[in-house]
Amino acid sequence: MFNLHFKPLNVDLKCFHIVQTKERNHPENRHSLTPSAIIICILFLLCFPAIATADRTKATVEITNPHLDAKNLTPGKSTEPEKIYTREEILKAEPLKWTPAGKADKRYLDNSSFKEKQPQVKGRVQLQPPGLPNPEAESQAQKEFPDQWQLLKELNQHNAGNPVSKEASKTNNAAPEAINFGTQDIYTGYRGNYWSVQQTAFPWAVVGKLLIDGGGYCTAQSITGAPKNIIVTAAHCVYDVGKGFKAGWTFIPAERNGVAPYGQFRWASARVLTAWTTNGARRDDIAVIRLQNNSAGRPVSYYTGWLGWRQNYPYTRNLHSIGYASNISTEWTSMCAAESFYASCEGTDVLVKGCNMTYGSSGGAWIDEYKPYEISGYVESVVSGPSCAGAFGQTYVGAHFSDANFGKLCAAEGGCTTP
């Protein structure tokens, strides 16, 4: 008589379309319910709280690519993705904007040396180490994507190894000689894969531009090897609070000047915290995406390796953050080095850090133990947006990886681990 599926947002109730009899169509009964319909509706109302509770208590929400083909997830299989971005589309992509910061904390604004006691982090420390790419990845990529490598070569020759950027001469090195780490608006800013030698080297190659179907881009990075092929980014790059999931995503690792040396990787599934869908809080602004293989049939980690990750570490960390910040350049990544800290106006499980990057850096990693040209680095946060503890474009925040956010996402994925 009616269908009731005990899954969130999947209820098909037909209380008012049950009795298809002459009695129901009688003029006297046209606007009334039969006893059986009344009983069924009462039963539904009794069941509804259980359905709502199940929805509220579900830690994460996932969407799966409707075009997903199992061949795309199997090493050695080759299939063309359902969407390929041209270089022009990559270069024209606009960054996602940020949600404004909360009410400014005057204690920070009035006193640059103001500090708060850092809360003790609960939960067992967990981590996964970074991973190596395949030793033959670069030579294979040159065979698989010759047009991209030829374009890369031509651009390098034309620009003497350096891409052209409208902000190239304005790179901000804002930190004074004596850096007071853990302070708002204090950082050292510099270029990421601005130089061609860094584009395909670790760890810059692990980071890529995340193009959003329908418009916009963010930053993301690989955090596991095959077969999971998980990248991490910000939840606001994946799910619009009050609206739902965005249309889809393509990850382009090592992207620079619109060149994709390792091809493009379409999404297989995307996951955010249920708390993000209802509240949109900074501490929940994390998303994980599983990737399909590229058109050559290889997983992203074959070419780039992956960054490690950590959760439940202290708030005060010496971190390097990275992203495609549009206020500096959309053609290459920028970086900031500073020490993160806790600010009560942001709340628990939120890290604050000085940096000059803005739109487009969303989802970019905050990396501990960053060592250029070495297989190193642990992601402990990703960029979320501006902070109530500092000036816009000088300080921003990211979710502090913990059991309460990143841990729940990984648990739902069966662990963000590599065999």
Protein backbone atom coordinates (compact mmCIF):
# COMPACT_ATOMS: atom_id res chain seq x y z
CA MET A 1 0.00 0.00 0.00
CA PHE A 2 2.95 2.33 0.54
CA ASN A 3 6.67 2.05 0.27
CA LEU A 4 8.90 2.99 3.18
CA HIS A 5 12.66 2.74 2.70
CA PHE A 6 14.72 3.23 5.82
CA LYS A 7 17.28 5.42 4.12
CA PRO A 8 17.55 9.18 4.48
CA LEU A 9 15.61 11.19 1.89
CA ASN A 10 14.21 8.07 0.28
CA VAL A 11 10.62 7.83 1.49
CA ASP A 12 7.76 7.25 -0.92
CA LEU A 13 4.54 7.76 1.03
CA LYS A 14 1.13 7.54 -0.61
CA CYS A 15 -1.24 8.09 2.34
CA PHE A 16 -3.66 10.01 0.18
CA HIS A 17 -3.53 7.68 -2.81
CA ILE A 18 -4.27 4.32 -1.23
CA VAL A 19 -7.92 3.49 -1.59
CA GLN A 20 -8.83 3.39 -5.26
CA THR A 21 -12.50 2.44 -4.77
CA LYS A 22 -15.89 3.79 -5.70
CA GLU A 23 -16.40 4.60 -2.02
CA ARG A 24 -13.46 7.05 -2.08
CA ASN A 25 -14.82 8.72 -5.21
CA HIS A 26 -18.26 9.17 -3.69
CA PRO A 27 -19.04 12.89 -3.29
CA GLU A 28 -19.50 12.53 0.46
CA ASN A 29 -16.08 10.91 0.88
CA ARG A 30 -14.11 12.91 -1.66
CA HIS A 31 -12.35 15.05 0.96
CA SER A 32 -11.98 12.45 3.70
CA LEU A 33 -9.64 9.58 4.49
CA THR A 34 -10.71 5.99 4.86
CA PRO A 35 -9.90 4.29 8.20
CA SER A 36 -7.15 2.24 6.57
CA ALA A 37 -5.50 5.35 5.17
CA ILE A 38 -5.67 7.05 8.57
CA ILE A 39 -4.01 4.05 10.24
CA ILE A 40 -1.23 3.99 7.66
CA CYS A 41 -0.55 7.69 8.07
CA ILE A 42 -0.40 7.31 11.85
CA LEU A 43 2.08 4.46 11.45
CA PHE A 44 4.20 6.65 9.19
CA LEU A 45 4.22 9.49 11.71
CA LEU A 46 5.39 7.04 14.36
CA CYS A 47 8.16 5.83 12.08
CA PHE A 48 9.22 9.29 10.89
CA PRO A 49 11.24 10.24 14.01
CA ALA A 50 13.30 7.09 13.55
CA ILE A 51 13.99 8.06 9.94
CA ALA A 52 14.99 11.59 10.91
CA THR A 53 17.24 10.29 13.67
CA ALA A 54 18.94 7.92 11.26
CA ASP A 55 19.61 10.86 8.94
CA ARG A 56 21.01 13.02 11.74
CA THR A 57 23.22 10.33 13.17
CA LYS A 58 24.76 9.34 9.86
CA ALA A 59 28.26 10.81 10.07
CA THR A 60 28.87 11.36 6.35
CA VAL A 61 27.03 11.81 3.08
CA GLU A 62 28.29 10.37 -0.21
CA ILE A 63 27.53 10.83 -3.89
CA THR A 64 28.64 8.42 -6.63
CA ASN A 65 29.41 9.34 -10.22
CA PRO A 66 26.44 8.10 -12.31
CA HIS A 67 28.79 7.55 -15.25
CA LEU A 68 31.18 5.43 -13.22
CA ASP A 69 32.59 2.47 -15.09
CA ALA A 70 34.41 -0.23 -13.13
CA LYS A 71 37.03 -0.33 -15.89
CA ASN A 72 38.19 3.13 -14.83
CA LEU A 73 39.13 1.83 -11.40
CA THR A 74 41.09 -1.21 -12.52
CA PRO A 75 44.82 -0.82 -13.24
CA GLY A 76 45.69 -1.70 -16.81
CA LYS A 77 42.26 -0.82 -18.21
CA SER A 78 41.95 2.21 -20.45
CA THR A 79 38.79 4.18 -21.09
CA GLU A 80 38.09 7.79 -21.98
CA PRO A 81 36.56 9.84 -19.14
CA GLU A 82 33.08 11.29 -19.67
CA LYS A 83 34.45 14.83 -19.43
CA ILE A 84 37.78 16.25 -20.64
CA TYR A 85 38.70 19.88 -20.02
CA THR A 86 40.58 21.80 -22.69
CA ARG A 87 43.57 23.96 -21.84
CA GLU A 88 41.46 27.06 -22.49
CA GLU A 89 38.82 25.86 -20.01
CA ILE A 90 41.49 25.15 -17.40
CA LEU A 91 42.99 28.60 -17.79
CA LYS A 92 39.61 30.37 -17.72
CA ALA A 93 38.31 28.56 -14.63
CA GLU A 94 37.38 30.99 -11.85
CA PRO A 95 38.11 30.24 -8.18
CA LEU A 96 35.36 29.60 -5.67
CA LYS A 97 34.66 32.46 -3.28
CA TRP A 98 34.82 32.08 0.51
CA THR A 99 32.17 32.31 3.17
CA PRO A 100 32.92 35.49 5.17
CA ALA A 101 34.73 35.16 8.48
CA GLY A 102 32.84 35.35 11.77
CA LYS A 103 32.78 38.40 14.01
CA ALA A 104 36.30 39.77 14.36
CA ASP A 105 38.06 39.18 17.69
CA LYS A 106 39.37 42.60 18.70
CA ARG A 107 41.95 41.06 20.99
CA TYR A 108 43.82 39.82 17.93
CA LEU A 109 43.22 42.92 15.85
CA ASP A 110 44.38 45.31 18.58
CA ASN A 111 47.39 43.33 19.75
CA SER A 112 49.56 41.43 17.28
CA SER A 113 51.29 39.58 20.11
CA PHE A 114 48.05 38.37 21.75
CA LYS A 115 47.97 34.61 22.28
CA GLU A 116 45.52 32.15 23.81
CA LYS A 117 46.20 28.91 25.57
CA GLN A 118 46.13 26.07 23.09
CA PRO A 119 43.57 23.39 24.04
CA GLN A 120 44.72 19.83 24.60
CA VAL A 121 43.82 17.57 21.70
CA LYS A 122 41.89 14.44 22.56
CA GLY A 123 42.00 11.18 20.67
CA ARG A 124 44.72 8.81 19.60
CA VAL A 125 47.27 10.20 17.16
CA GLN A 126 46.82 8.58 13.75
CA LEU A 127 48.75 8.95 10.52
CA GLN A 128 49.66 7.51 7.17
CA PRO A 129 53.11 8.18 5.69
CA PRO A 130 53.61 9.69 2.22
CA GLY A 131 54.17 7.38 -0.75
CA LEU A 132 56.46 7.13 -3.76
CA PRO A 133 55.33 7.44 -7.37
CA ASN A 134 56.28 4.71 -9.81
CA PRO A 135 59.95 5.15 -10.83
CA GLU A 136 58.95 4.97 -14.51
CA ALA A 137 56.03 7.40 -14.14
CA GLU A 138 57.58 10.37 -15.91
CA SER A 139 58.81 8.43 -18.95
CA GLN A 140 55.43 6.68 -19.21
CA ALA A 141 53.56 9.97 -18.92
CA GLN A 142 55.61 11.44 -21.76
CA LYS A 143 54.51 8.52 -23.95
CA GLU A 144 50.88 8.65 -22.82
CA PHE A 145 50.40 12.44 -23.01
CA PRO A 146 52.96 13.62 -25.61
CA ASP A 147 50.99 16.75 -26.54
CA GLN A 148 50.99 17.94 -22.93
CA TRP A 149 54.71 17.38 -22.49
CA GLN A 150 55.45 19.09 -25.80
CA LEU A 151 53.36 22.06 -24.68
CA LEU A 152 55.16 22.06 -21.35
CA LYS A 153 58.51 22.12 -23.18
CA GLU A 154 57.43 24.96 -25.47
CA LEU A 155 56.16 27.06 -22.57
CA ASN A 156 59.37 26.50 -20.64
CA GLN A 157 61.47 27.56 -23.62
CA HIS A 158 59.32 30.60 -24.28
CA ASN A 159 59.29 31.75 -20.68
CA ALA A 160 62.82 30.67 -19.76
CA GLY A 161 61.38 28.20 -17.26
CA ASN A 162 59.03 30.72 -15.64
CA PRO A 163 55.35 31.22 -16.54
CA VAL A 164 53.94 34.67 -17.08
CA SER A 165 51.63 35.96 -14.34
CA LYS A 166 49.95 39.28 -13.77
CA GLU A 167 51.10 39.11 -10.15
CA ALA A 168 54.54 37.60 -10.75
CA SER A 169 56.30 40.75 -9.61
CA LYS A 170 54.11 41.12 -6.54
CA THR A 171 54.88 37.92 -4.67
CA ASN A 172 54.49 38.79 -1.00
CA ASN A 173 57.18 37.95 1.52
CA ALA A 174 55.40 39.48 4.49
CA ALA A 175 57.31 37.99 7.39
CA PRO A 176 59.72 40.30 9.22
CA GLU A 177 63.29 39.23 9.94
CA ALA A 178 62.37 37.99 13.40
CA ILE A 179 59.28 35.81 12.86
CA ASN A 180 56.94 35.48 15.82
CA PHE A 181 55.41 32.16 14.85
CA GLY A 182 51.84 31.38 15.84
CA THR A 183 50.74 34.98 15.33
CA GLN A 184 48.02 36.28 13.00
CA ASP A 185 49.06 37.99 9.76
CA ILE A 186 52.65 36.71 10.10
CA TYR A 187 54.00 34.32 7.46
CA THR A 188 56.56 33.79 4.74
CA GLY A 189 54.95 33.64 1.28
CA TYR A 190 56.68 32.22 -1.78
CA ARG A 191 56.09 30.42 -5.05
CA GLY A 192 55.21 26.75 -5.41
CA ASN A 193 55.53 25.14 -8.85
CA TYR A 194 56.35 28.47 -10.49
CA TRP A 195 59.55 26.91 -11.84
CA SER A 196 59.34 24.08 -14.36
CA VAL A 197 61.77 21.91 -12.42
CA GLN A 198 59.27 21.78 -9.56
CA GLN A 199 56.16 21.04 -11.59
CA THR A 200 56.71 17.28 -11.77
CA ALA A 201 58.77 16.90 -8.57
CA PHE A 202 57.57 15.77 -5.16
CA PRO A 203 55.67 17.19 -3.33
CA TRP A 204 54.40 19.82 -5.80
CA ALA A 205 53.23 17.21 -8.30
CA VAL A 206 50.91 15.65 -5.71
CA VAL A 207 48.92 18.88 -5.53
CA GLY A 208 46.56 19.77 -8.36
CA LYS A 209 43.74 21.96 -9.56
CA LEU A 210 40.25 20.60 -8.85
CA LEU A 211 37.89 21.71 -11.63
CA ILE A 212 34.20 21.78 -10.76
CA ASP A 213 31.64 20.87 -13.42
CA GLY A 214 29.44 23.88 -13.99
CA GLY A 215 32.22 26.34 -13.12
CA GLY A 216 34.86 27.10 -10.55
CA TYR A 217 37.99 25.49 -9.20
CA CYS A 218 39.70 24.65 -5.92
CA THR A 219 42.94 22.97 -4.84
CA ALA A 220 43.26 19.30 -3.83
CA GLN A 221 45.95 16.67 -3.23
CA SER A 222 46.38 12.91 -3.25
CA ILE A 223 46.56 11.22 0.18
CA THR A 224 46.41 7.51 -0.70
CA GLY A 225 47.68 5.17 -3.37
CA ALA A 226 45.69 2.64 -5.36
CA PRO A 227 43.19 1.11 -5.16
CA LYS A 228 41.41 3.83 -3.16
CA ASN A 229 42.91 6.81 -4.98
CA ILE A 230 41.64 9.36 -2.46
CA ILE A 231 42.23 13.09 -2.67
CA VAL A 232 41.32 15.57 0.07
CA THR A 233 39.95 19.08 -0.41
CA ALA A 234 37.52 21.48 1.27
CA ALA A 235 33.85 20.55 1.68
CA HIS A 236 32.69 23.85 0.20
CA CYS A 237 34.33 22.74 -3.07
CA VAL A 238 32.07 19.69 -3.08
CA TYR A 239 28.78 20.53 -1.35
CA ASP A 240 26.80 23.78 -1.21
CA VAL A 241 25.09 24.05 2.18
CA GLY A 242 21.35 24.25 1.69
CA LYS A 243 21.58 23.15 -1.96
CA GLY A 244 23.45 19.85 -2.28
CA PHE A 245 26.41 18.33 -4.05
CA LYS A 246 27.98 20.12 -6.98
CA ALA A 247 27.77 18.54 -10.42
CA GLY A 248 31.13 16.74 -10.54
CA TRP A 249 34.92 17.13 -10.41
CA THR A 250 38.12 16.60 -12.38
CA PHE A 251 41.51 16.51 -10.67
CA ILE A 252 44.57 17.67 -12.62
CA PRO A 253 47.74 16.95 -10.62
CA ALA A 254 50.83 19.10 -11.24
CA GLU A 255 48.74 21.54 -13.30
CA ARG A 256 50.68 24.64 -14.33
CA ASN A 257 49.82 27.08 -17.12
CA GLY A 258 46.92 24.85 -18.11
CA VAL A 259 49.19 21.87 -18.84
CA ALA A 260 48.18 18.42 -17.53
CA PRO A 261 51.38 16.32 -17.68
CA TYR A 262 49.69 13.26 -16.11
CA GLY A 263 46.28 13.57 -17.70
CA GLN A 264 42.95 14.26 -16.02
CA PHE A 265 41.27 12.19 -13.33
CA ARG A 266 37.49 12.16 -13.06
CA TRP A 267 35.72 11.54 -9.78
CA ALA A 268 34.29 8.18 -8.74
CA SER A 269 32.64 9.31 -5.48
CA ALA A 270 32.69 12.28 -3.12
CA ARG A 271 32.02 12.41 0.62
CA VAL A 272 31.40 15.18 3.15
CA LEU A 273 30.38 15.26 6.79
CA THR A 274 26.66 15.38 7.51
CA ALA A 275 27.49 18.16 9.95
CA TRP A 276 28.78 20.24 7.03
CA THR A 277 25.52 19.84 5.10
CA THR A 278 23.52 21.24 8.01
CA ASN A 279 25.84 23.79 9.63
CA GLY A 280 28.64 24.66 7.19
CA ALA A 281 31.07 25.16 10.07
CA ARG A 282 34.80 25.67 9.46
CA ARG A 283 35.71 22.60 11.52
CA ASP A 284 33.69 20.42 9.13
CA ASP A 285 35.03 21.93 5.89
CA ILE A 286 36.74 18.77 4.62
CA ALA A 287 35.83 16.46 1.75
CA VAL A 288 37.36 13.31 0.32
CA ILE A 289 37.00 12.28 -3.32
CA ARG A 290 37.80 8.91 -4.85
CA LEU A 291 39.23 9.18 -8.35
CA GLN A 292 38.88 7.09 -11.45
CA ASN A 293 41.96 6.24 -13.48
CA ASN A 294 43.02 8.61 -16.27
CA SER A 295 42.57 7.94 -19.98
CA ALA A 296 45.77 5.85 -19.97
CA GLY A 297 44.18 3.55 -17.40
CA ARG A 298 46.49 4.48 -14.53
CA PRO A 299 45.70 5.78 -11.01
CA VAL A 300 46.94 9.21 -9.98
CA SER A 301 49.36 7.79 -7.39
CA TYR A 302 51.27 5.96 -10.15
CA TYR A 303 52.52 9.33 -11.39
CA THR A 304 52.64 11.48 -8.27
CA GLY A 305 52.77 9.33 -5.16
CA TRP A 306 50.81 10.77 -2.26
CA LEU A 307 51.17 12.99 0.77
CA GLY A 308 50.84 11.49 4.21
CA TRP A 309 48.21 12.70 6.68
CA ARG A 310 47.90 13.12 10.45
CA GLN A 311 45.02 13.63 12.83
CA ASN A 312 44.73 14.54 16.53
CA TYR A 313 48.03 16.43 16.51
CA PRO A 314 48.51 19.65 18.56
CA TYR A 315 47.14 22.96 17.26
CA THR A 316 50.53 24.64 17.18
CA ARG A 317 52.40 23.22 14.19
CA ASN A 318 55.03 24.58 11.83
CA LEU A 319 53.15 24.21 8.54
CA HIS A 320 53.55 24.96 4.85
CA SER A 321 50.30 25.59 2.98
CA ILE A 322 49.86 25.42 -0.78
CA GLY A 323 47.19 26.41 -3.31
CA TYR A 324 46.23 27.96 -6.64
CA ALA A 325 45.54 31.37 -5.12
CA SER A 326 43.93 33.65 -7.71
CA ASN A 327 45.11 36.84 -5.97
CA ILE A 328 48.68 35.73 -6.78
CA SER A 329 48.32 33.48 -9.84
CA THR A 330 45.84 30.93 -11.18
CA GLU A 331 48.60 29.44 -13.36
CA TRP A 332 50.85 28.07 -10.63
CA THR A 333 50.73 27.29 -6.94
CA SER A 334 51.72 29.62 -4.13
CA MET A 335 52.93 28.67 -0.65
CA CYS A 336 53.04 30.09 2.88
CA ALA A 337 55.16 29.02 5.84
CA ALA A 338 53.94 29.88 9.34
CA GLU A 339 53.01 28.26 12.61
CA SER A 340 49.36 27.44 13.16
CA PHE A 341 47.48 28.28 16.34
CA TYR A 342 44.10 28.10 18.08
CA ALA A 343 41.72 31.07 18.33
CA SER A 344 38.63 30.84 20.52
CA CYS A 345 36.57 32.90 18.05
CA GLU A 346 36.99 30.03 15.57
CA GLY A 347 36.28 27.26 18.08
CA THR A 348 37.73 23.80 18.48
CA ASP A 349 39.04 21.71 15.60
CA VAL A 350 39.97 24.83 13.61
CA LEU A 351 43.56 25.88 12.86
CA VAL A 352 44.49 29.51 12.20
CA LYS A 353 47.55 30.48 10.20
CA GLY A 354 49.09 33.56 8.62
CA CYS A 355 49.06 33.51 4.79
CA ASN A 356 48.43 35.87 1.87
CA MET A 357 46.52 33.38 -0.30
CA THR A 358 42.79 33.87 -0.96
CA TYR A 359 40.25 32.46 -3.47
CA GLY A 360 41.34 29.34 -5.32
CA SER A 361 43.52 28.07 -2.48
CA SER A 362 40.42 26.43 -0.98
CA GLY A 363 41.19 22.80 -0.19
CA GLY A 364 44.95 23.29 -0.41
CA ALA A 365 46.99 21.25 2.06
CA TRP A 366 48.62 22.48 5.27
CA ILE A 367 51.70 20.28 5.37
CA ASP A 368 53.95 19.34 8.29
CA GLU A 369 57.48 18.05 7.67
CA TYR A 370 57.57 19.64 4.23
CA LYS A 371 60.88 18.81 2.51
CA PRO A 372 61.30 19.89 -1.11
CA TYR A 373 62.32 17.16 -3.59
CA GLU A 374 61.90 14.46 -0.93
CA ILE A 375 59.10 11.97 -0.36
CA SER A 376 57.84 13.74 2.75
CA GLY A 377 55.01 15.75 4.21
CA TYR A 378 51.85 15.13 6.26
CA VAL A 379 48.55 16.94 5.62
CA GLU A 380 47.02 18.18 8.88
CA SER A 381 44.46 20.63 7.48
CA VAL A 382 43.08 22.09 4.25
CA VAL A 383 42.24 25.72 3.47
CA SER A 384 38.71 26.80 4.41
CA GLY A 385 38.53 30.61 4.37
CA PRO A 386 39.21 33.91 6.19
CA SER A 387 39.58 34.15 9.95
CA CYS A 388 38.03 36.23 12.72
CA ALA A 389 41.52 36.39 14.26
CA GLY A 390 43.27 38.28 11.46
CA ALA A 391 42.98 40.42 8.35
CA PHE A 392 41.50 39.14 5.10
CA GLY A 393 44.31 38.07 2.76
CA GLN A 394 46.78 37.87 5.64
CA THR A 395 45.34 35.10 7.85
CA TYR A 396 43.09 32.16 7.09
CA VAL A 397 41.76 28.97 8.67
CA GLY A 398 41.39 25.26 8.00
CA ALA A 399 39.75 22.34 9.78
CA HIS A 400 42.09 20.69 12.28
CA PHE A 401 42.19 17.00 11.31
CA SER A 402 40.75 15.02 14.20
CA ASP A 403 38.49 12.10 15.08
CA ALA A 404 35.53 14.49 14.83
CA ASN A 405 35.97 15.37 11.15
CA PHE A 406 38.69 13.79 9.00
CA GLY A 407 38.53 10.60 11.09
CA LYS A 408 34.81 10.16 10.34
CA LEU A 409 35.34 10.64 6.62
CA CYS A 410 38.12 8.08 6.54
CA ALA A 411 36.15 5.61 8.64
CA ALA A 412 33.30 5.81 6.12
CA GLU A 413 35.81 5.09 3.35
CA GLY A 414 37.10 2.02 5.17
CA GLY A 415 40.27 3.93 6.10
CA CYS A 416 42.35 6.49 4.17
CA THR A 417 45.13 3.96 3.85
CA THR A 418 47.25 2.35 1.17
CA PRO A 419 47.97 -1.42 1.14
